Structures are given as structure tokens and as C-alpha cells.
PDB file of N, CA and C in Angstrom:
ATOM      1  N   MET A   1     -82.551 -30.612   2.893  1.00  0.00           N
ATOM      2  CA  MET A   1     -81.766 -29.649   3.633  1.00  0.00           C
ATOM      3  C   MET A   1     -81.075 -30.363   4.786  1.00  0.00           C
ATOM      4  N   THR A   2     -79.809 -30.140   4.959  1.00  0.00           N
ATOM      5  CA  THR A   2     -79.086 -30.787   6.047  1.00  0.00           C
ATOM      6  C   THR A   2     -79.125 -29.919   7.281  1.00  0.00           C
ATOM      7  N   GLU A   3     -79.228 -30.585   8.400  1.00  0.00           N
ATOM      8  CA  GLU A   3     -79.290 -29.874   9.668  1.00  0.00           C
ATOM      9  C   GLU A   3     -77.879 -29.646  10.182  1.00  0.00           C
ATOM     10  N   HIS A   4     -77.595 -28.431  10.627  1.00  0.00           N
ATOM     11  CA  HIS A   4     -76.284 -28.118  11.183  1.00  0.00           C
ATOM     12  C   HIS A   4     -76.262 -28.557  12.634  1.00  0.00           C
ATOM     13  N   ARG A   5     -75.337 -29.438  12.982  1.00  0.00           N
ATOM     14  CA  ARG A   5     -75.223 -29.918  14.347  1.00  0.00           C
ATOM     15  C   ARG A   5     -73.850 -29.547  14.873  1.00  0.00           C
ATOM     16  N   PRO A   6     -73.790 -28.579  15.759  1.00  0.00           N
ATOM     17  CA  PRO A   6     -72.487 -28.178  16.291  1.00  0.00           C
ATOM     18  C   PRO A   6     -71.853 -29.291  17.114  1.00  0.00           C
ATOM     19  N   THR A   7     -70.549 -29.367  17.042  1.00  0.00           N
ATOM     20  CA  THR A   7     -69.836 -30.362  17.824  1.00  0.00           C
ATOM     21  C   THR A   7     -69.800 -29.941  19.283  1.00  0.00           C
ATOM     22  N   ALA A   8     -69.443 -30.870  20.150  1.00  0.00           N
ATOM     23  CA  ALA A   8     -69.356 -30.569  21.578  1.00  0.00           C
ATOM     24  C   ALA A   8     -68.351 -29.447  21.819  1.00  0.00           C
ATOM     25  N   GLY A   9     -67.268 -29.439  21.065  1.00  0.00           N
ATOM     26  CA  GLY A   9     -66.258 -28.391  21.219  1.00  0.00           C
ATOM     27  C   GLY A   9     -66.799 -27.015  20.870  1.00  0.00           C
ATOM     28  N   ARG A  10     -67.592 -26.955  19.812  1.00  0.00           N
ATOM     29  CA  ARG A  10     -68.177 -25.667  19.421  1.00  0.00           C
ATOM     30  C   ARG A  10     -69.192 -25.197  20.452  1.00  0.00           C
ATOM     31  N   VAL A  11     -69.989 -26.132  20.948  1.00  0.00           N
ATOM     32  CA  VAL A  11     -70.965 -25.785  21.982  1.00  0.00           C
ATOM     33  C   VAL A  11     -70.237 -25.278  23.214  1.00  0.00           C
ATOM     34  N   ALA A  12     -69.181 -25.974  23.623  1.00  0.00           N
ATOM     35  CA  ALA A  12     -68.417 -25.564  24.797  1.00  0.00           C
ATOM     36  C   ALA A  12     -67.792 -24.185  24.577  1.00  0.00           C
ATOM     37  N   ALA A  13     -67.282 -23.931  23.380  1.00  0.00           N
ATOM     38  CA  ALA A  13     -66.678 -22.629  23.091  1.00  0.00           C
ATOM     39  C   ALA A  13     -67.716 -21.510  23.181  1.00  0.00           C
ATOM     40  N   ARG A  14     -68.902 -21.770  22.663  1.00  0.00           N
ATOM     41  CA  ARG A  14     -69.978 -20.776  22.762  1.00  0.00           C
ATOM     42  C   ARG A  14     -70.348 -20.510  24.215  1.00  0.00           C
ATOM     43  N   LEU A  15     -70.423 -21.592  24.974  1.00  0.00           N
ATOM     44  CA  LEU A  15     -70.775 -21.444  26.385  1.00  0.00           C
ATOM     45  C   LEU A  15     -69.702 -20.680  27.144  1.00  0.00           C
ATOM     46  N   ARG A  16     -68.438 -20.948  26.828  1.00  0.00           N
ATOM     47  CA  ARG A  16     -67.354 -20.238  27.513  1.00  0.00           C
ATOM     48  C   ARG A  16     -67.441 -18.728  27.297  1.00  0.00           C
ATOM     49  N   ARG A  17     -67.823 -18.364  26.087  1.00  0.00           N
ATOM     50  CA  ARG A  17     -67.948 -16.930  25.799  1.00  0.00           C
ATOM     51  C   ARG A  17     -69.144 -16.323  26.537  1.00  0.00           C
ATOM     52  N   ALA A  18     -70.175 -17.110  26.766  1.00  0.00           N
ATOM     53  CA  ALA A  18     -71.409 -16.575  27.337  1.00  0.00           C
ATOM     54  C   ALA A  18     -71.506 -16.726  28.854  1.00  0.00           C
ATOM     55  N   LEU A  19     -70.797 -17.700  29.421  1.00  0.00           N
ATOM     56  CA  LEU A  19     -70.970 -18.010  30.837  1.00  0.00           C
ATOM     57  C   LEU A  19     -69.642 -17.995  31.587  1.00  0.00           C
ATOM     58  N   PRO A  20     -69.702 -17.832  32.896  1.00  0.00           N
ATOM     59  CA  PRO A  20     -68.488 -17.936  33.711  1.00  0.00           C
ATOM     60  C   PRO A  20     -67.868 -19.331  33.603  1.00  0.00           C
ATOM     61  N   GLY A  21     -66.552 -19.424  33.788  1.00  0.00           N
ATOM     62  CA  GLY A  21     -65.792 -20.652  33.567  1.00  0.00           C
ATOM     63  C   GLY A  21     -66.261 -21.892  34.294  1.00  0.00           C
ATOM     64  N   GLY A  22     -66.496 -21.820  35.595  1.00  0.00           N
ATOM     65  CA  GLY A  22     -66.894 -23.015  36.334  1.00  0.00           C
ATOM     66  C   GLY A  22     -68.205 -23.591  35.850  1.00  0.00           C
ATOM     67  N   ARG A  23     -69.090 -22.713  35.488  1.00  0.00           N
ATOM     68  CA  ARG A  23     -70.397 -23.161  35.020  1.00  0.00           C
ATOM     69  C   ARG A  23     -70.283 -23.871  33.667  1.00  0.00           C
ATOM     70  N   VAL A  24     -69.384 -23.395  32.828  1.00  0.00           N
ATOM     71  CA  VAL A  24     -69.182 -24.010  31.515  1.00  0.00           C
ATOM     72  C   VAL A  24     -68.723 -25.452  31.678  1.00  0.00           C
ATOM     73  N   SER A  25     -67.761 -25.664  32.585  1.00  0.00           N
ATOM     74  CA  SER A  25     -67.252 -27.024  32.798  1.00  0.00           C
ATOM     75  C   SER A  25     -68.369 -27.944  33.258  1.00  0.00           C
ATOM     76  N   ARG A  26     -69.176 -27.462  34.171  1.00  0.00           N
ATOM     77  CA  ARG A  26     -70.274 -28.282  34.685  1.00  0.00           C
ATOM     78  C   ARG A  26     -71.291 -28.594  33.578  1.00  0.00           C
ATOM     79  N   LEU A  27     -71.609 -27.589  32.777  1.00  0.00           N
ATOM     80  CA  LEU A  27     -72.555 -27.809  31.683  1.00  0.00           C
ATOM     81  C   LEU A  27     -71.984 -28.766  30.634  1.00  0.00           C
ATOM     82  N   THR A  28     -70.697 -28.649  30.370  1.00  0.00           N
ATOM     83  CA  THR A  28     -70.050 -29.553  29.416  1.00  0.00           C
ATOM     84  C   THR A  28     -70.096 -30.989  29.934  1.00  0.00           C
ATOM     85  N   GLU A  29     -69.847 -31.173  31.220  1.00  0.00           N
ATOM     86  CA  GLU A  29     -69.927 -32.506  31.821  1.00  0.00           C
ATOM     87  C   GLU A  29     -71.354 -33.045  31.761  1.00  0.00           C
ATOM     88  N   GLU A  30     -72.320 -32.190  32.036  1.00  0.00           N
ATOM     89  CA  GLU A  30     -73.722 -32.605  31.961  1.00  0.00           C
ATOM     90  C   GLU A  30     -74.098 -33.007  30.537  1.00  0.00           C
ATOM     91  N   LEU A  31     -73.620 -32.225  29.575  1.00  0.00           N
ATOM     92  CA  LEU A  31     -73.887 -32.531  28.172  1.00  0.00           C
ATOM     93  C   LEU A  31     -73.302 -33.892  27.801  1.00  0.00           C
ATOM     94  N   GLN A  32     -72.073 -34.153  28.222  1.00  0.00           N
ATOM     95  CA  GLN A  32     -71.432 -35.437  27.945  1.00  0.00           C
ATOM     96  C   GLN A  32     -72.198 -36.577  28.605  1.00  0.00           C
ATOM     97  N   ALA A  33     -72.622 -36.369  29.845  1.00  0.00           N
ATOM     98  CA  ALA A  33     -73.376 -37.399  30.560  1.00  0.00           C
ATOM     99  C   ALA A  33     -74.695 -37.689  29.843  1.00  0.00           C
ATOM    100  N   GLU A  34     -75.360 -36.656  29.355  1.00  0.00           N
ATOM    101  CA  GLU A  34     -76.622 -36.863  28.634  1.00  0.00           C
ATOM    102  C   GLU A  34     -76.396 -37.581  27.310  1.00  0.00           C
ATOM    103  N   ARG A  35     -75.296 -37.272  26.644  1.00  0.00           N
ATOM    104  CA  ARG A  35     -74.987 -37.982  25.396  1.00  0.00           C
ATOM    105  C   ARG A  35     -74.735 -39.465  25.662  1.00  0.00           C
ATOM    106  N   GLU A  36     -74.035 -39.761  26.749  1.00  0.00           N
ATOM    107  CA  GLU A  36     -73.797 -41.159  27.113  1.00  0.00           C
ATOM    108  C   GLU A  36     -75.109 -41.852  27.453  1.00  0.00           C
ATOM    109  N   ARG A  37     -75.988 -41.137  28.147  1.00  0.00           N
ATOM    110  CA  ARG A  37     -77.307 -41.694  28.483  1.00  0.00           C
ATOM    111  C   ARG A  37     -78.100 -41.982  27.212  1.00  0.00           C
ATOM    112  N   ILE A  38     -78.045 -41.070  26.252  1.00  0.00           N
ATOM    113  CA  ILE A  38     -78.737 -41.270  24.977  1.00  0.00           C
ATOM    114  C   ILE A  38     -78.190 -42.499  24.264  1.00  0.00           C
ATOM    115  N   THR A  39     -76.876 -42.657  24.276  1.00  0.00           N
ATOM    116  CA  THR A  39     -76.256 -43.822  23.642  1.00  0.00           C
ATOM    117  C   THR A  39     -76.750 -45.112  24.283  1.00  0.00           C
ATOM    118  N   ARG A  40     -76.795 -45.129  25.635  1.00  0.00           N
ATOM    119  CA  ARG A  40     -77.299 -46.321  26.331  1.00  0.00           C
ATOM    120  C   ARG A  40     -78.769 -46.581  26.003  1.00  0.00           C
ATOM    121  N   LEU A  41     -79.571 -45.537  25.960  1.00  0.00           N
ATOM    122  CA  LEU A  41     -80.992 -45.694  25.646  1.00  0.00           C
ATOM    123  C   LEU A  41     -81.197 -46.181  24.212  1.00  0.00           C
ATOM    124  N   GLU A  42     -80.376 -45.686  23.285  1.00  0.00           N
ATOM    125  CA  GLU A  42     -80.471 -46.161  21.904  1.00  0.00           C
ATOM    126  C   GLU A  42     -80.116 -47.639  21.807  1.00  0.00           C
ATOM    127  N   ALA A  43     -79.105 -48.061  22.557  1.00  0.00           N
ATOM    128  CA  ALA A  43     -78.725 -49.484  22.566  1.00  0.00           C
ATOM    129  C   ALA A  43     -79.850 -50.319  23.155  1.00  0.00           C
ATOM    130  N   GLU A  44     -80.468 -49.828  24.215  1.00  0.00           N
ATOM    131  CA  GLU A  44     -81.586 -50.549  24.829  1.00  0.00           C
ATOM    132  C   GLU A  44     -82.770 -50.635  23.864  1.00  0.00           C
ATOM    133  N   LEU A  45     -83.028 -49.548  23.147  1.00  0.00           N
ATOM    134  CA  LEU A  45     -84.107 -49.543  22.166  1.00  0.00           C
ATOM    135  C   LEU A  45     -83.835 -50.556  21.053  1.00  0.00           C
ATOM    136  N   ASP A  46     -82.589 -50.618  20.582  1.00  0.00           N
ATOM    137  CA  ASP A  46     -82.223 -51.604  19.566  1.00  0.00           C
ATOM    138  C   ASP A  46     -82.456 -53.022  20.072  1.00  0.00           C
ATOM    139  N   GLU A  47     -82.084 -53.268  21.327  1.00  0.00           N
ATOM    140  CA  GLU A  47     -82.287 -54.590  21.911  1.00  0.00           C
ATOM    141  C   GLU A  47     -83.777 -54.917  22.007  1.00  0.00           C
ATOM    142  N   LEU A  48     -84.583 -53.958  22.397  1.00  0.00           N
ATOM    143  CA  LEU A  48     -86.026 -54.178  22.488  1.00  0.00           C
ATOM    144  C   LEU A  48     -86.633 -54.449  21.115  1.00  0.00           C
ATOM    145  N   ARG A  49     -86.124 -53.761  20.105  1.00  0.00           N
ATOM    146  CA  ARG A  49     -86.618 -54.018  18.746  1.00  0.00           C
ATOM    147  C   ARG A  49     -86.269 -55.436  18.304  1.00  0.00           C
ATOM    148  N   ARG A  50     -85.045 -55.875  18.610  1.00  0.00           N
ATOM    149  CA  ARG A  50     -84.654 -57.249  18.250  1.00  0.00           C
ATOM    150  C   ARG A  50     -85.529 -58.261  18.981  1.00  0.00           C
ATOM    151  N   ASP A  51     -85.770 -58.002  20.267  1.00  0.00           N
ATOM    152  CA  ASP A  51     -86.626 -58.907  21.040  1.00  0.00           C
ATOM    153  C   ASP A  51     -88.036 -58.945  20.462  1.00  0.00           C
ATOM    154  N   SER A  52     -88.531 -57.780  20.066  1.00  0.00           N
ATOM    155  CA  SER A  52     -89.867 -57.712  19.490  1.00  0.00           C
ATOM    156  C   SER A  52     -89.949 -58.525  18.199  1.00  0.00           C
ATOM    157  N   LEU A  53     -88.905 -58.430  17.388  1.00  0.00           N
ATOM    158  CA  LEU A  53     -88.874 -59.220  16.150  1.00  0.00           C
ATOM    159  C   LEU A  53     -88.854 -60.718  16.454  1.00  0.00           C
ATOM    160  N   ARG A  54     -88.089 -61.112  17.471  1.00  0.00           N
ATOM    161  CA  ARG A  54     -88.049 -62.526  17.852  1.00  0.00           C
ATOM    162  C   ARG A  54     -89.420 -63.007  18.306  1.00  0.00           C
ATOM    163  N   VAL A  55     -90.101 -62.204  19.086  1.00  0.00           N
ATOM    164  CA  VAL A  55     -91.441 -62.571  19.559  1.00  0.00           C
ATOM    165  C   VAL A  55     -92.385 -62.705  18.371  1.00  0.00           C
ATOM    166  N   ALA A  56     -92.321 -61.779  17.440  1.00  0.00           N
ATOM    167  CA  ALA A  56     -93.177 -61.839  16.255  1.00  0.00           C
ATOM    168  C   ALA A  56     -92.891 -63.105  15.447  1.00  0.00           C
ATOM    169  N   GLU A  57     -91.608 -63.449  15.302  1.00  0.00           N
ATOM    170  CA  GLU A  57     -91.254 -64.672  14.583  1.00  0.00           C
ATOM    171  C   GLU A  57     -91.779 -65.907  15.300  1.00  0.00           C
ATOM    172  N   MET A  58     -91.661 -65.924  16.627  1.00  0.00           N
ATOM    173  CA  MET A  58     -92.166 -67.064  17.396  1.00  0.00           C
ATOM    174  C   MET A  58     -93.680 -67.180  17.263  1.00  0.00           C
ATOM    175  N   LEU A  59     -94.387 -66.057  17.308  1.00  0.00           N
ATOM    176  CA  LEU A  59     -95.839 -66.081  17.147  1.00  0.00           C
ATOM    177  C   LEU A  59     -96.225 -66.603  15.767  1.00  0.00           C
ATOM    178  N   ASP A  60     -95.470 -66.199  14.753  1.00  0.00           N
ATOM    179  CA  ASP A  60     -95.735 -66.717  13.400  1.00  0.00           C
ATOM    180  C   ASP A  60     -95.552 -68.223  13.346  1.00  0.00           C
ATOM    181  N   LEU A  61     -94.490 -68.732  13.970  1.00  0.00           N
ATOM    182  CA  LEU A  61     -94.258 -70.179  13.982  1.00  0.00           C
ATOM    183  C   LEU A  61     -95.361 -70.917  14.714  1.00  0.00           C
ATOM    184  N   ILE A  62     -95.760 -70.398  15.858  1.00  0.00           N
ATOM    185  CA  ILE A  62     -96.828 -71.020  16.637  1.00  0.00           C
ATOM    186  C   ILE A  62     -98.130 -71.009  15.848  1.00  0.00           C
ATOM    187  N   GLU A  63     -98.421 -69.876  15.233  1.00  0.00           N
ATOM    188  CA  GLU A  63     -99.648 -69.768  14.442  1.00  0.00           C
ATOM    189  C   GLU A  63     -99.629 -70.766  13.284  1.00  0.00           C
ATOM    190  N   ASP A  64     -98.487 -70.911  12.616  1.00  0.00           N
ATOM    191  CA  ASP A  64     -98.375 -71.867  11.497  1.00  0.00           C
ATOM    192  C   ASP A  64     -98.613 -73.294  11.985  1.00  0.00           C
ATOM    193  N   ARG A  65     -98.114 -73.638  13.142  1.00  0.00           N
ATOM    194  CA  ARG A  65     -98.272 -75.013  13.646  1.00  0.00           C
ATOM    195  C   ARG A  65     -99.678 -75.284  14.152  1.00  0.00           C
ATOM    196  N   LEU A  66    -100.342 -74.269  14.657  1.00  0.00           N
ATOM    197  CA  LEU A  66    -101.678 -74.474  15.215  1.00  0.00           C
ATOM    198  C   LEU A  66    -102.789 -74.322  14.178  1.00  0.00           C
ATOM    199  N   THR A  67    -102.451 -73.715  13.038  1.00  0.00           N
ATOM    200  CA  THR A  67    -103.453 -73.533  12.000  1.00  0.00           C
ATOM    201  C   THR A  67    -103.551 -74.797  11.160  1.00  0.00           C
ATOM    202  N   PRO A  68    -104.776 -75.345  11.040  1.00  0.00           N
ATOM    203  CA  PRO A  68    -104.932 -76.585  10.244  1.00  0.00           C
ATOM    204  C   PRO A  68    -104.725 -76.357   8.755  1.00  0.00           C
TER     205      PRO A  68
END
């Protein structure tokens, strides 16, 4: 089953119908800021995963050299 994910425009349109105008703009900006934060955190997580793989590879090499 696929999950329905509304676009930012659809979310903003729903909010405009439900909330006063100034508040909608602020919420839309907050939503955008959180999406950007998520993107940065995902990039950081990817970098940490790559670093973790490098450490694991280095440990394997060290173990191979130290094992008789």
C-alpha cells in the first residue's frame, strides 16, 4: 500500500482554509525550515554511516595484520 504524502502546496492550501492568513504563512515557513533541517540531518546521517563503514574496514585491516 502506498502512503499518500501531500505536497507543501496542498498542506498550505488546507491550512489557508482552516487558519487566518498570517498564521498560515508562518506555519508554511516553519514547515519549510523543518524540511531543510531534515535534509541536513539526513546528510549528516549518511556521512556518519560512511565514517562508520571506514572505521569497520580499518578495524578489519588491523585485525588481519595482528592475527597470526
